[in-house]
Amino acid sequence: LNMIASENLVSKAVLEAQGSVLTNKYAEGYPGARYYGGCAWVDR
């Protein structure tokens, strides 16, 4: 029984997004003003 007030359970959808291929992408900067190429999808 987890009664830690600062914890919770995320949905499976959140888990899947967090464990996705986006972990492979370095995107220093902000959308439209990145310091690396290949950021079209992470910008979105």
PDB file of all heavy atoms in Angstrom:
ATOM      1  N   LEU A   1       0.860  -1.178   0.000  1.00  0.00           N
ATOM      2  CA  LEU A   1       0.000   0.000   0.000  1.00  0.00           C
ATOM      3  C   LEU A   1       0.897   1.228   0.000  1.00  0.00           C
ATOM      4  O   LEU A   1       1.536   1.534   1.005  1.00  0.00           O
ATOM      5  CB  LEU A   1      -0.903  -0.006   1.234  1.00  0.00           C
ATOM      6  CG  LEU A   1      -1.958  -1.115   1.300  1.00  0.00           C
ATOM      7  CD1 LEU A   1      -2.636  -1.128   2.662  1.00  0.00           C
ATOM      8  CD2 LEU A   1      -2.990  -0.947   0.188  1.00  0.00           C
ATOM      9  N   ASN A   2       0.957   1.905  -1.128  1.00  0.00           N
ATOM     10  CA  ASN A   2       1.817   3.074  -1.247  1.00  0.00           C
ATOM     11  C   ASN A   2       1.051   4.312  -0.800  1.00  0.00           C
ATOM     12  O   ASN A   2       0.146   4.777  -1.486  1.00  0.00           O
ATOM     13  CB  ASN A   2       2.295   3.237  -2.688  1.00  0.00           C
ATOM     14  CG  ASN A   2       3.191   4.439  -2.861  1.00  0.00           C
ATOM     15  OD1 ASN A   2       3.600   5.073  -1.883  1.00  0.00           O
ATOM     16  ND2 ASN A   2       3.506   4.776  -4.091  1.00  0.00           N
ATOM     17  N   MET A   3       1.453   4.859   0.352  1.00  0.00           N
ATOM     18  CA  MET A   3       0.805   6.049   0.883  1.00  0.00           C
ATOM     19  C   MET A   3       1.759   7.237   0.907  1.00  0.00           C
ATOM     20  O   MET A   3       1.571   8.200   1.656  1.00  0.00           O
ATOM     21  CB  MET A   3       0.252   5.759   2.280  1.00  0.00           C
ATOM     22  CG  MET A   3      -0.721   4.594   2.301  1.00  0.00           C
ATOM     23  SD  MET A   3      -1.497   4.316   3.904  1.00  0.00           S
ATOM     24  CE  MET A   3      -2.661   5.679   3.948  1.00  0.00           C
ATOM     25  N   ILE A   4       2.796   7.164   0.057  1.00  0.00           N
ATOM     26  CA  ILE A   4       3.697   8.309  -0.107  1.00  0.00           C
ATOM     27  C   ILE A   4       2.945   9.385  -0.877  1.00  0.00           C
ATOM     28  O   ILE A   4       2.523   9.172  -2.022  1.00  0.00           O
ATOM     29  CB  ILE A   4       4.977   7.908  -0.857  1.00  0.00           C
ATOM     30  CG1 ILE A   4       5.673   6.719  -0.187  1.00  0.00           C
ATOM     31  CG2 ILE A   4       5.906   9.106  -0.988  1.00  0.00           C
ATOM     32  CD1 ILE A   4       6.242   6.995   1.170  1.00  0.00           C
ATOM     33  N   ALA A   5       2.765  10.551  -0.277  1.00  0.00           N
ATOM     34  CA  ALA A   5       1.930  11.594  -0.879  1.00  0.00           C
ATOM     35  C   ALA A   5       2.488  12.123  -2.188  1.00  0.00           C
ATOM     36  O   ALA A   5       1.747  12.674  -3.004  1.00  0.00           O
ATOM     37  CB  ALA A   5       1.736  12.739   0.111  1.00  0.00           C
ATOM     38  N   SER A   6       3.790  11.987  -2.410  1.00  0.00           N
ATOM     39  CA  SER A   6       4.421  12.527  -3.613  1.00  0.00           C
ATOM     40  C   SER A   6       4.597  11.478  -4.701  1.00  0.00           C
ATOM     41  O   SER A   6       5.305  11.721  -5.680  1.00  0.00           O
ATOM     42  CB  SER A   6       5.775  13.145  -3.258  1.00  0.00           C
ATOM     43  OG  SER A   6       6.559  12.223  -2.529  1.00  0.00           O
ATOM     44  N   GLU A   7       3.953  10.327  -4.557  1.00  0.00           N
ATOM     45  CA  GLU A   7       4.058   9.280  -5.571  1.00  0.00           C
ATOM     46  C   GLU A   7       2.681   8.944  -6.125  1.00  0.00           C
ATOM     47  O   GLU A   7       1.656   9.260  -5.538  1.00  0.00           O
ATOM     48  CB  GLU A   7       4.727   8.028  -4.989  1.00  0.00           C
ATOM     49  CG  GLU A   7       6.170   8.244  -4.585  1.00  0.00           C
ATOM     50  CD  GLU A   7       6.846   6.977  -4.083  1.00  0.00           C
ATOM     51  OE1 GLU A   7       6.234   5.886  -4.154  1.00  0.00           O
ATOM     52  OE2 GLU A   7       7.992   7.078  -3.600  1.00  0.00           O
ATOM     53  N   ASN A   8       2.686   8.272  -7.285  1.00  0.00           N
ATOM     54  CA  ASN A   8       1.441   7.889  -7.932  1.00  0.00           C
ATOM     55  C   ASN A   8       1.737   6.776  -8.927  1.00  0.00           C
ATOM     56  O   ASN A   8       2.887   6.331  -9.041  1.00  0.00           O
ATOM     57  CB  ASN A   8       0.809   9.098  -8.636  1.00  0.00           C
ATOM     58  CG  ASN A   8      -0.707   8.993  -8.729  1.00  0.00           C
ATOM     59  OD1 ASN A   8      -1.280   7.903  -8.735  1.00  0.00           O
ATOM     60  ND2 ASN A   8      -1.362  10.129  -8.797  1.00  0.00           N
ATOM     61  N   LEU A   9       0.726   6.335  -9.644  1.00  0.00           N
ATOM     62  CA  LEU A   9       0.868   5.342 -10.701  1.00  0.00           C
ATOM     63  C   LEU A   9       0.527   5.988 -12.031  1.00  0.00           C
ATOM     64  O   LEU A   9      -0.573   6.523 -12.190  1.00  0.00           O
ATOM     65  CB  LEU A   9      -0.087   4.161 -10.470  1.00  0.00           C
ATOM     66  CG  LEU A   9       0.117   3.302  -9.230  1.00  0.00           C
ATOM     67  CD1 LEU A   9      -1.010   2.276  -9.130  1.00  0.00           C
ATOM     68  CD2 LEU A   9       1.468   2.612  -9.276  1.00  0.00           C
ATOM     69  N   VAL A  10       1.440   5.939 -12.972  1.00  0.00           N
ATOM     70  CA  VAL A  10       1.136   6.475 -14.297  1.00  0.00           C
ATOM     71  C   VAL A  10       0.375   5.429 -15.104  1.00  0.00           C
ATOM     72  O   VAL A  10       0.378   4.243 -14.781  1.00  0.00           O
ATOM     73  CB  VAL A  10       2.421   6.887 -15.053  1.00  0.00           C
ATOM     74  CG1 VAL A  10       3.180   7.934 -14.277  1.00  0.00           C
ATOM     75  CG2 VAL A  10       3.302   5.673 -15.352  1.00  0.00           C
ATOM     76  N   SER A  11      -0.253   5.864 -16.176  1.00  0.00           N
ATOM     77  CA  SER A  11      -0.951   4.944 -17.063  1.00  0.00           C
ATOM     78  C   SER A  11       0.058   4.165 -17.892  1.00  0.00           C
ATOM     79  O   SER A  11       1.230   4.537 -18.015  1.00  0.00           O
ATOM     80  CB  SER A  11      -1.876   5.729 -17.997  1.00  0.00           C
ATOM     81  OG  SER A  11      -1.106   6.506 -18.913  1.00  0.00           O
ATOM     82  N   LYS A  12      -0.404   3.082 -18.508  1.00  0.00           N
ATOM     83  CA  LYS A  12       0.469   2.320 -19.395  1.00  0.00           C
ATOM     84  C   LYS A  12       0.888   3.169 -20.602  1.00  0.00           C
ATOM     85  O   LYS A  12       1.989   3.013 -21.122  1.00  0.00           O
ATOM     86  CB  LYS A  12      -0.226   1.040 -19.854  1.00  0.00           C
ATOM     87  CG  LYS A  12      -0.308  -0.029 -18.775  1.00  0.00           C
ATOM     88  CD  LYS A  12      -0.824  -1.343 -19.326  1.00  0.00           C
ATOM     89  CE  LYS A  12      -0.777  -2.441 -18.269  1.00  0.00           C
ATOM     90  NZ  LYS A  12      -1.276  -3.737 -18.797  1.00  0.00           N
ATOM     91  N   ALA A  13       0.009   4.071 -21.021  1.00  0.00           N
ATOM     92  CA  ALA A  13       0.344   4.946 -22.145  1.00  0.00           C
ATOM     93  C   ALA A  13       1.521   5.848 -21.800  1.00  0.00           C
ATOM     94  O   ALA A  13       2.421   6.064 -22.627  1.00  0.00           O
ATOM     95  CB  ALA A  13      -0.870   5.787 -22.540  1.00  0.00           C
ATOM     96  N   VAL A  14       1.536   6.375 -20.573  1.00  0.00           N
ATOM     97  CA  VAL A  14       2.662   7.199 -20.127  1.00  0.00           C
ATOM     98  C   VAL A  14       3.936   6.357 -20.063  1.00  0.00           C
ATOM     99  O   VAL A  14       5.013   6.785 -20.491  1.00  0.00           O
ATOM    100  CB  VAL A  14       2.359   7.852 -18.761  1.00  0.00           C
ATOM    101  CG1 VAL A  14       3.614   8.485 -18.164  1.00  0.00           C
ATOM    102  CG2 VAL A  14       1.273   8.908 -18.909  1.00  0.00           C
ATOM    103  N   LEU A  15       3.816   5.136 -19.536  1.00  0.00           N
ATOM    104  CA  LEU A  15       4.977   4.239 -19.480  1.00  0.00           C
ATOM    105  C   LEU A  15       5.541   3.979 -20.878  1.00  0.00           C
ATOM    106  O   LEU A  15       6.758   3.974 -21.080  1.00  0.00           O
ATOM    107  CB  LEU A  15       4.587   2.907 -18.832  1.00  0.00           C
ATOM    108  CG  LEU A  15       4.444   2.866 -17.313  1.00  0.00           C
ATOM    109  CD1 LEU A  15       3.953   1.493 -16.887  1.00  0.00           C
ATOM    110  CD2 LEU A  15       5.757   3.186 -16.628  1.00  0.00           C
ATOM    111  N   GLU A  16       4.662   3.754 -21.842  1.00  0.00           N
ATOM    112  CA  GLU A  16       5.117   3.457 -23.196  1.00  0.00           C
ATOM    113  C   GLU A  16       5.793   4.657 -23.840  1.00  0.00           C
ATOM    114  O   GLU A  16       6.823   4.517 -24.523  1.00  0.00           O
ATOM    115  CB  GLU A  16       3.940   2.974 -24.037  1.00  0.00           C
ATOM    116  CG  GLU A  16       3.448   1.584 -23.635  1.00  0.00           C
ATOM    117  CD  GLU A  16       2.212   1.145 -24.399  1.00  0.00           C
ATOM    118  OE1 GLU A  16       1.791   1.882 -25.325  1.00  0.00           O
ATOM    119  OE2 GLU A  16       1.674   0.070 -24.091  1.00  0.00           O
ATOM    120  N   ALA A  17       5.245   5.846 -23.619  1.00  0.00           N
ATOM    121  CA  ALA A  17       5.880   7.041 -24.180  1.00  0.00           C
ATOM    122  C   ALA A  17       7.234   7.279 -23.534  1.00  0.00           C
ATOM    123  O   ALA A  17       8.216   7.634 -24.219  1.00  0.00           O
ATOM    124  CB  ALA A  17       4.978   8.255 -23.987  1.00  0.00           C
ATOM    125  N   GLN A  18       7.314   7.065 -22.235  1.00  0.00           N
ATOM    126  CA  GLN A  18       8.573   7.299 -21.526  1.00  0.00           C
ATOM    127  C   GLN A  18       9.644   6.302 -21.945  1.00  0.00           C
ATOM    128  O   GLN A  18      10.829   6.636 -21.988  1.00  0.00           O
ATOM    129  CB  GLN A  18       8.334   7.225 -20.015  1.00  0.00           C
ATOM    130  CG  GLN A  18       9.553   7.582 -19.186  1.00  0.00           C
ATOM    131  CD  GLN A  18       9.211   7.861 -17.735  1.00  0.00           C
ATOM    132  OE1 GLN A  18       8.062   8.108 -17.402  1.00  0.00           O
ATOM    133  NE2 GLN A  18      10.202   7.819 -16.871  1.00  0.00           N
ATOM    134  N   GLY A  19       9.246   5.088 -22.252  1.00  0.00           N
ATOM    135  CA  GLY A  19      10.213   4.070 -22.676  1.00  0.00           C
ATOM    136  C   GLY A  19      10.323   3.949 -24.182  1.00  0.00           C
ATOM    137  O   GLY A  19      10.558   2.854 -24.700  1.00  0.00           O
ATOM    138  N   SER A  20      10.182   5.067 -24.901  1.00  0.00           N
ATOM    139  CA  SER A  20      10.114   5.043 -26.367  1.00  0.00           C
ATOM    140  C   SER A  20      11.441   5.410 -27.018  1.00  0.00           C
ATOM    141  O   SER A  20      12.418   5.758 -26.343  1.00  0.00           O
ATOM    142  CB  SER A  20       9.041   6.036 -26.837  1.00  0.00           C
ATOM    143  OG  SER A  20       9.461   7.370 -26.565  1.00  0.00           O
ATOM    144  N   VAL A  21      11.457   5.378 -28.341  1.00  0.00           N
ATOM    145  CA  VAL A  21      12.667   5.701 -29.117  1.00  0.00           C
ATOM    146  C   VAL A  21      13.065   7.165 -28.987  1.00  0.00           C
ATOM    147  O   VAL A  21      14.173   7.537 -29.397  1.00  0.00           O
ATOM    148  CB  VAL A  21      12.489   5.353 -30.610  1.00  0.00           C
ATOM    149  CG1 VAL A  21      12.312   3.859 -30.794  1.00  0.00           C
ATOM    150  CG2 VAL A  21      11.311   6.124 -31.222  1.00  0.00           C
ATOM    151  N   LEU A  22      12.202   7.999 -28.415  1.00  0.00           N
ATOM    152  CA  LEU A  22      12.586   9.397 -28.246  1.00  0.00           C
ATOM    153  C   LEU A  22      13.749   9.547 -27.274  1.00  0.00           C
ATOM    154  O   LEU A  22      14.404  10.597 -27.247  1.00  0.00           O
ATOM    155  CB  LEU A  22      11.395  10.228 -27.758  1.00  0.00           C
ATOM    156  CG  LEU A  22      10.217  10.372 -28.720  1.00  0.00           C
ATOM    157  CD1 LEU A  22       9.240  11.414 -28.213  1.00  0.00           C
ATOM    158  CD2 LEU A  22      10.668  10.719 -30.127  1.00  0.00           C
ATOM    159  N   THR A  23      14.036   8.508 -26.503  1.00  0.00           N
ATOM    160  CA  THR A  23      15.208   8.561 -25.626  1.00  0.00           C
ATOM    161  C   THR A  23      16.497   8.615 -26.434  1.00  0.00           C
ATOM    162  O   THR A  23      17.547   9.004 -25.918  1.00  0.00           O
ATOM    163  CB  THR A  23      15.231   7.344 -24.667  1.00  0.00           C
ATOM    164  OG1 THR A  23      16.145   7.602 -23.613  1.00  0.00           O
ATOM    165  CG2 THR A  23      15.642   6.073 -25.395  1.00  0.00           C
ATOM    166  N   ASN A  24      16.433   8.266 -27.716  1.00  0.00           N
ATOM    167  CA  ASN A  24      17.618   8.281 -28.576  1.00  0.00           C
ATOM    168  C   ASN A  24      17.937   9.666 -29.129  1.00  0.00           C
ATOM    169  O   ASN A  24      19.016   9.855 -29.710  1.00  0.00           O
ATOM    170  CB  ASN A  24      17.426   7.334 -29.769  1.00  0.00           C
ATOM    171  CG  ASN A  24      17.207   5.901 -29.355  1.00  0.00           C
ATOM    172  OD1 ASN A  24      17.707   5.467 -28.334  1.00  0.00           O
ATOM    173  ND2 ASN A  24      16.452   5.152 -30.151  1.00  0.00           N
ATOM    174  N   LYS A  25      17.025  10.630 -28.968  1.00  0.00           N
ATOM    175  CA  LYS A  25      17.182  11.906 -29.670  1.00  0.00           C
ATOM    176  C   LYS A  25      17.676  13.010 -28.746  1.00  0.00           C
ATOM    177  O   LYS A  25      17.084  13.294 -27.708  1.00  0.00           O
ATOM    178  CB  LYS A  25      15.832  12.339 -30.275  1.00  0.00           C
ATOM    179  CG  LYS A  25      15.970  13.548 -31.183  1.00  0.00           C
ATOM    180  CD  LYS A  25      16.714  13.198 -32.470  1.00  0.00           C
ATOM    181  CE  LYS A  25      17.146  14.433 -33.230  1.00  0.00           C
ATOM    182  NZ  LYS A  25      18.491  14.899 -32.838  1.00  0.00           N
ATOM    183  N   TYR A  26      18.758  13.646 -29.159  1.00  0.00           N
ATOM    184  CA  TYR A  26      19.291  14.809 -28.447  1.00  0.00           C
ATOM    185  C   TYR A  26      18.744  16.053 -29.124  1.00  0.00           C
ATOM    186  O   TYR A  26      18.884  16.209 -30.333  1.00  0.00           O
ATOM    187  CB  TYR A  26      20.822  14.789 -28.490  1.00  0.00           C
ATOM    188  CG  TYR A  26      21.469  15.590 -27.390  1.00  0.00           C
ATOM    189  CD1 TYR A  26      21.098  15.426 -26.071  1.00  0.00           C
ATOM    190  CD2 TYR A  26      22.466  16.511 -27.676  1.00  0.00           C
ATOM    191  CE1 TYR A  26      21.699  16.158 -25.052  1.00  0.00           C
ATOM    192  CE2 TYR A  26      23.076  17.243 -26.668  1.00  0.00           C
ATOM    193  CZ  TYR A  26      22.680  17.055 -25.355  1.00  0.00           C
ATOM    194  OH  TYR A  26      23.271  17.777 -24.348  1.00  0.00           O
ATOM    195  N   ALA A  27      18.105  16.928 -28.367  1.00  0.00           N
ATOM    196  CA  ALA A  27      17.382  18.052 -28.960  1.00  0.00           C
ATOM    197  C   ALA A  27      17.640  19.334 -28.185  1.00  0.00           C
ATOM    198  O   ALA A  27      16.711  20.042 -27.782  1.00  0.00           O
ATOM    199  CB  ALA A  27      15.885  17.742 -29.012  1.00  0.00           C
ATOM    200  N   GLU A  28      18.905  19.670 -27.995  1.00  0.00           N
ATOM    201  CA  GLU A  28      19.268  20.872 -27.258  1.00  0.00           C
ATOM    202  C   GLU A  28      18.664  22.100 -27.932  1.00  0.00           C
ATOM    203  O   GLU A  28      18.800  22.292 -29.142  1.00  0.00           O
ATOM    204  CB  GLU A  28      20.794  20.980 -27.216  1.00  0.00           C
ATOM    205  CG  GLU A  28      21.318  21.910 -26.153  1.00  0.00           C
ATOM    206  CD  GLU A  28      22.833  21.805 -26.032  1.00  0.00           C
ATOM    207  OE1 GLU A  28      23.515  22.113 -27.028  1.00  0.00           O
ATOM    208  OE2 GLU A  28      23.319  21.411 -24.972  1.00  0.00           O
ATOM    209  N   GLY A  29      18.021  22.935 -27.105  1.00  0.00           N
ATOM    210  CA  GLY A  29      17.361  24.117 -27.639  1.00  0.00           C
ATOM    211  C   GLY A  29      15.854  24.000 -27.513  1.00  0.00           C
ATOM    212  O   GLY A  29      15.339  23.289 -26.637  1.00  0.00           O
ATOM    213  N   TYR A  30      15.130  24.700 -28.387  1.00  0.00           N
ATOM    214  CA  TYR A  30      13.669  24.691 -28.369  1.00  0.00           C
ATOM    215  C   TYR A  30      13.134  24.411 -29.765  1.00  0.00           C
ATOM    216  O   TYR A  30      13.870  24.541 -30.760  1.00  0.00           O
ATOM    217  CB  TYR A  30      13.143  26.035 -27.851  1.00  0.00           C
ATOM    218  CG  TYR A  30      13.385  26.227 -26.361  1.00  0.00           C
ATOM    219  CD1 TYR A  30      14.473  26.967 -25.904  1.00  0.00           C
ATOM    220  CD2 TYR A  30      12.550  25.632 -25.416  1.00  0.00           C
ATOM    221  CE1 TYR A  30      14.714  27.119 -24.534  1.00  0.00           C
ATOM    222  CE2 TYR A  30      12.783  25.784 -24.055  1.00  0.00           C
ATOM    223  CZ  TYR A  30      13.860  26.527 -23.618  1.00  0.00           C
ATOM    224  OH  TYR A  30      14.096  26.664 -22.270  1.00  0.00           O
ATOM    225  N   PRO A  31      11.873  24.002 -29.873  1.00  0.00           N
ATOM    226  CA  PRO A  31      11.308  23.710 -31.188  1.00  0.00           C
ATOM    227  C   PRO A  31      11.539  24.837 -32.187  1.00  0.00           C
ATOM    228  O   PRO A  31      11.272  26.003 -31.896  1.00  0.00           O
ATOM    229  CB  PRO A  31       9.817  23.518 -30.890  1.00  0.00           C
ATOM    230  CG  PRO A  31       9.785  23.015 -29.486  1.00  0.00           C
ATOM    231  CD  PRO A  31      10.896  23.756 -28.795  1.00  0.00           C
ATOM    232  N   GLY A  32      12.074  24.474 -33.340  1.00  0.00           N
ATOM    233  CA  GLY A  32      12.374  25.452 -34.370  1.00  0.00           C
ATOM    234  C   GLY A  32      13.706  26.140 -34.195  1.00  0.00           C
ATOM    235  O   GLY A  32      14.136  26.904 -35.068  1.00  0.00           O
ATOM    236  N   ALA A  33      14.380  25.897 -33.086  1.00  0.00           N
ATOM    237  CA  ALA A  33      15.682  26.531 -32.810  1.00  0.00           C
ATOM    238  C   ALA A  33      16.580  25.543 -32.076  1.00  0.00           C
ATOM    239  O   ALA A  33      17.092  25.833 -30.997  1.00  0.00           O
ATOM    240  CB  ALA A  33      15.492  27.807 -32.006  1.00  0.00           C
ATOM    241  N   ARG A  34      16.760  24.355 -32.652  1.00  0.00           N
ATOM    242  CA  ARG A  34      17.595  23.324 -32.048  1.00  0.00           C
ATOM    243  C   ARG A  34      19.046  23.480 -32.496  1.00  0.00           C
ATOM    244  O   ARG A  34      19.329  24.106 -33.518  1.00  0.00           O
ATOM    245  CB  ARG A  34      17.097  21.930 -32.443  1.00  0.00           C
ATOM    246  CG  ARG A  34      15.640  21.650 -32.140  1.00  0.00           C
ATOM    247  CD  ARG A  34      15.356  21.476 -30.680  1.00  0.00           C
ATOM    248  NE  ARG A  34      13.997  20.957 -30.467  1.00  0.00           N
ATOM    249  CZ  ARG A  34      13.427  20.786 -29.301  1.00  0.00           C
ATOM    250  NH1 ARG A  34      14.081  21.097 -28.189  1.00  0.00           N
ATOM    251  NH2 ARG A  34      12.186  20.325 -29.202  1.00  0.00           N
ATOM    252  N   TYR A  35      19.923  22.872 -31.725  1.00  0.00           N
ATOM    253  CA  TYR A  35      21.343  22.882 -32.069  1.00  0.00           C
ATOM    254  C   TYR A  35      21.750  21.610 -32.802  1.00  0.00           C
ATOM    255  O   TYR A  35      22.924  21.403 -33.088  1.00  0.00           O
ATOM    256  CB  TYR A  35      22.187  23.061 -30.796  1.00  0.00           C
ATOM    257  CG  TYR A  35      22.151  24.478 -30.279  1.00  0.00           C
ATOM    258  CD1 TYR A  35      21.015  24.971 -29.643  1.00  0.00           C
ATOM    259  CD2 TYR A  35      23.229  25.339 -30.454  1.00  0.00           C
ATOM    260  CE1 TYR A  35      20.961  26.271 -29.187  1.00  0.00           C
ATOM    261  CE2 TYR A  35      23.185  26.649 -29.993  1.00  0.00           C
ATOM    262  CZ  TYR A  35      22.050  27.105 -29.354  1.00  0.00           C
ATOM    263  OH  TYR A  35      22.001  28.402 -28.908  1.00  0.00           O
ATOM    264  N   TYR A  36      20.782  20.758 -33.109  1.00  0.00           N
ATOM    265  CA  TYR A  36      21.023  19.505 -33.830  1.00  0.00           C
ATOM    266  C   TYR A  36      19.961  19.326 -34.897  1.00  0.00           C
ATOM    267  O   TYR A  36      18.838  19.834 -34.779  1.00  0.00           O
ATOM    268  CB  TYR A  36      20.970  18.303 -32.872  1.00  0.00           C
ATOM    269  CG  TYR A  36      22.033  18.330 -31.800  1.00  0.00           C
ATOM    270  CD1 TYR A  36      21.804  18.981 -30.594  1.00  0.00           C
ATOM    271  CD2 TYR A  36      23.267  17.708 -31.998  1.00  0.00           C
ATOM    272  CE1 TYR A  36      22.776  19.021 -29.616  1.00  0.00           C
ATOM    273  CE2 TYR A  36      24.245  17.744 -31.024  1.00  0.00           C
ATOM    274  CZ  TYR A  36      24.003  18.399 -29.831  1.00  0.00           C
ATOM    275  OH  TYR A  36      24.965  18.425 -28.861  1.00  0.00           O
ATOM    276  N   GLY A  37      20.304  18.565 -35.932  1.00  0.00           N
ATOM    277  CA  GLY A  37      19.334  18.231 -36.965  1.00  0.00           C
ATOM    278  C   GLY A  37      18.473  17.057 -36.546  1.00  0.00           C
ATOM    279  O   GLY A  37      18.657  16.461 -35.493  1.00  0.00           O
ATOM    280  N   GLY A  38      17.520  16.725 -37.399  1.00  0.00           N
ATOM    281  CA  GLY A  38      16.675  15.568 -37.160  1.00  0.00           C
ATOM    282  C   GLY A  38      15.658  15.746 -36.061  1.00  0.00           C
ATOM    283  O   GLY A  38      15.235  14.769 -35.439  1.00  0.00           O
ATOM    284  N   CYS A  39      15.231  16.988 -35.819  1.00  0.00           N
ATOM    285  CA  CYS A  39      14.348  17.258 -34.679  1.00  0.00           C
ATOM    286  C   CYS A  39      12.891  17.512 -35.072  1.00  0.00           C
ATOM    287  O   CYS A  39      12.100  17.974 -34.241  1.00  0.00           O
ATOM    288  CB  CYS A  39      14.865  18.457 -33.891  1.00  0.00           C
ATOM    289  SG  CYS A  39      16.389  18.141 -32.990  1.00  0.00           S
ATOM    290  N   ALA A  40      12.535  17.210 -36.313  1.00  0.00           N
ATOM    291  CA  ALA A  40      11.183  17.541 -36.774  1.00  0.00           C
ATOM    292  C   ALA A  40      10.107  16.924 -35.893  1.00  0.00           C
ATOM    293  O   ALA A  40       9.129  17.588 -35.510  1.00  0.00           O
ATOM    294  CB  ALA A  40      10.997  17.093 -38.219  1.00  0.00           C
ATOM    295  N   TRP A  41      10.273  15.654 -35.535  1.00  0.00           N
ATOM    296  CA  TRP A  41       9.221  14.967 -34.780  1.00  0.00           C
ATOM    297  C   TRP A  41       9.261  15.300 -33.297  1.00  0.00           C
ATOM    298  O   TRP A  41       8.207  15.430 -32.658  1.00  0.00           O
ATOM    299  CB  TRP A  41       9.299  13.463 -35.022  1.00  0.00           C
ATOM    300  CG  TRP A  41       8.930  13.131 -36.432  1.00  0.00           C
ATOM    301  CD1 TRP A  41       9.768  12.724 -37.435  1.00  0.00           C
ATOM    302  CD2 TRP A  41       7.635  13.251 -37.025  1.00  0.00           C
ATOM    303  NE1 TRP A  41       9.069  12.573 -38.605  1.00  0.00           N
ATOM    304  CE2 TRP A  41       7.762  12.885 -38.390  1.00  0.00           C
ATOM    305  CE3 TRP A  41       6.380  13.626 -36.547  1.00  0.00           C
ATOM    306  CZ2 TRP A  41       6.683  12.887 -39.266  1.00  0.00           C
ATOM    307  CZ3 TRP A  41       5.297  13.631 -37.424  1.00  0.00           C
ATOM    308  CH2 TRP A  41       5.447  13.257 -38.763  1.00  0.00           C
ATOM    309  N   VAL A  42      10.445  15.456 -32.741  1.00  0.00           N
ATOM    310  CA  VAL A  42      10.487  15.846 -31.329  1.00  0.00           C
ATOM    311  C   VAL A  42      10.013  17.289 -31.153  1.00  0.00           C
ATOM    312  O   VAL A  42       9.464  17.642 -30.102  1.00  0.00           O
ATOM    313  CB  VAL A  42      11.881  15.641 -30.697  1.00  0.00           C
ATOM    314  CG1 VAL A  42      12.219  14.164 -30.627  1.00  0.00           C
ATOM    315  CG2 VAL A  42      12.956  16.424 -31.421  1.00  0.00           C
ATOM    316  N   ASP A  43      10.221  18.125 -32.179  1.00  0.00           N
ATOM    317  CA  ASP A  43       9.667  19.480 -32.132  1.00  0.00           C
ATOM    318  C   ASP A  43       8.141  19.423 -32.015  1.00  0.00           C
ATOM    319  O   ASP A  43       7.535  20.157 -31.228  1.00  0.00           O
ATOM    320  CB  ASP A  43      10.044  20.266 -33.385  1.00  0.00           C
ATOM    321  CG  ASP A  43      11.434  20.874 -33.308  1.00  0.00           C
ATOM    322  OD1 ASP A  43      12.140  20.609 -32.311  1.00  0.00           O
ATOM    323  OD2 ASP A  43      11.812  21.612 -34.238  1.00  0.00           O
ATOM    324  N   ARG A  44       7.528  18.536 -32.785  1.00  0.00           N
ATOM    325  CA  ARG A  44       6.076  18.412 -32.736  1.00  0.00           C
ATOM    326  C   ARG A  44       5.630  17.923 -31.358  1.00  0.00           C
ATOM    327  O   ARG A  44       4.623  18.387 -30.814  1.00  0.00           O
ATOM    328  CB  ARG A  44       5.586  17.455 -33.827  1.00  0.00           C
ATOM    329  CG  ARG A  44       5.752  18.015 -35.240  1.00  0.00           C
ATOM    330  CD  ARG A  44       5.149  17.115 -36.293  1.00  0.00           C
ATOM    331  NE  ARG A  44       3.703  17.001 -36.168  1.00  0.00           N
ATOM    332  CZ  ARG A  44       2.919  16.381 -37.061  1.00  0.00           C
ATOM    333  NH1 ARG A  44       3.473  15.821 -38.137  1.00  0.00           N
ATOM    334  NH2 ARG A  44       1.610  16.310 -36.888  1.00  0.00           N
TER     335      ARG A  44
END
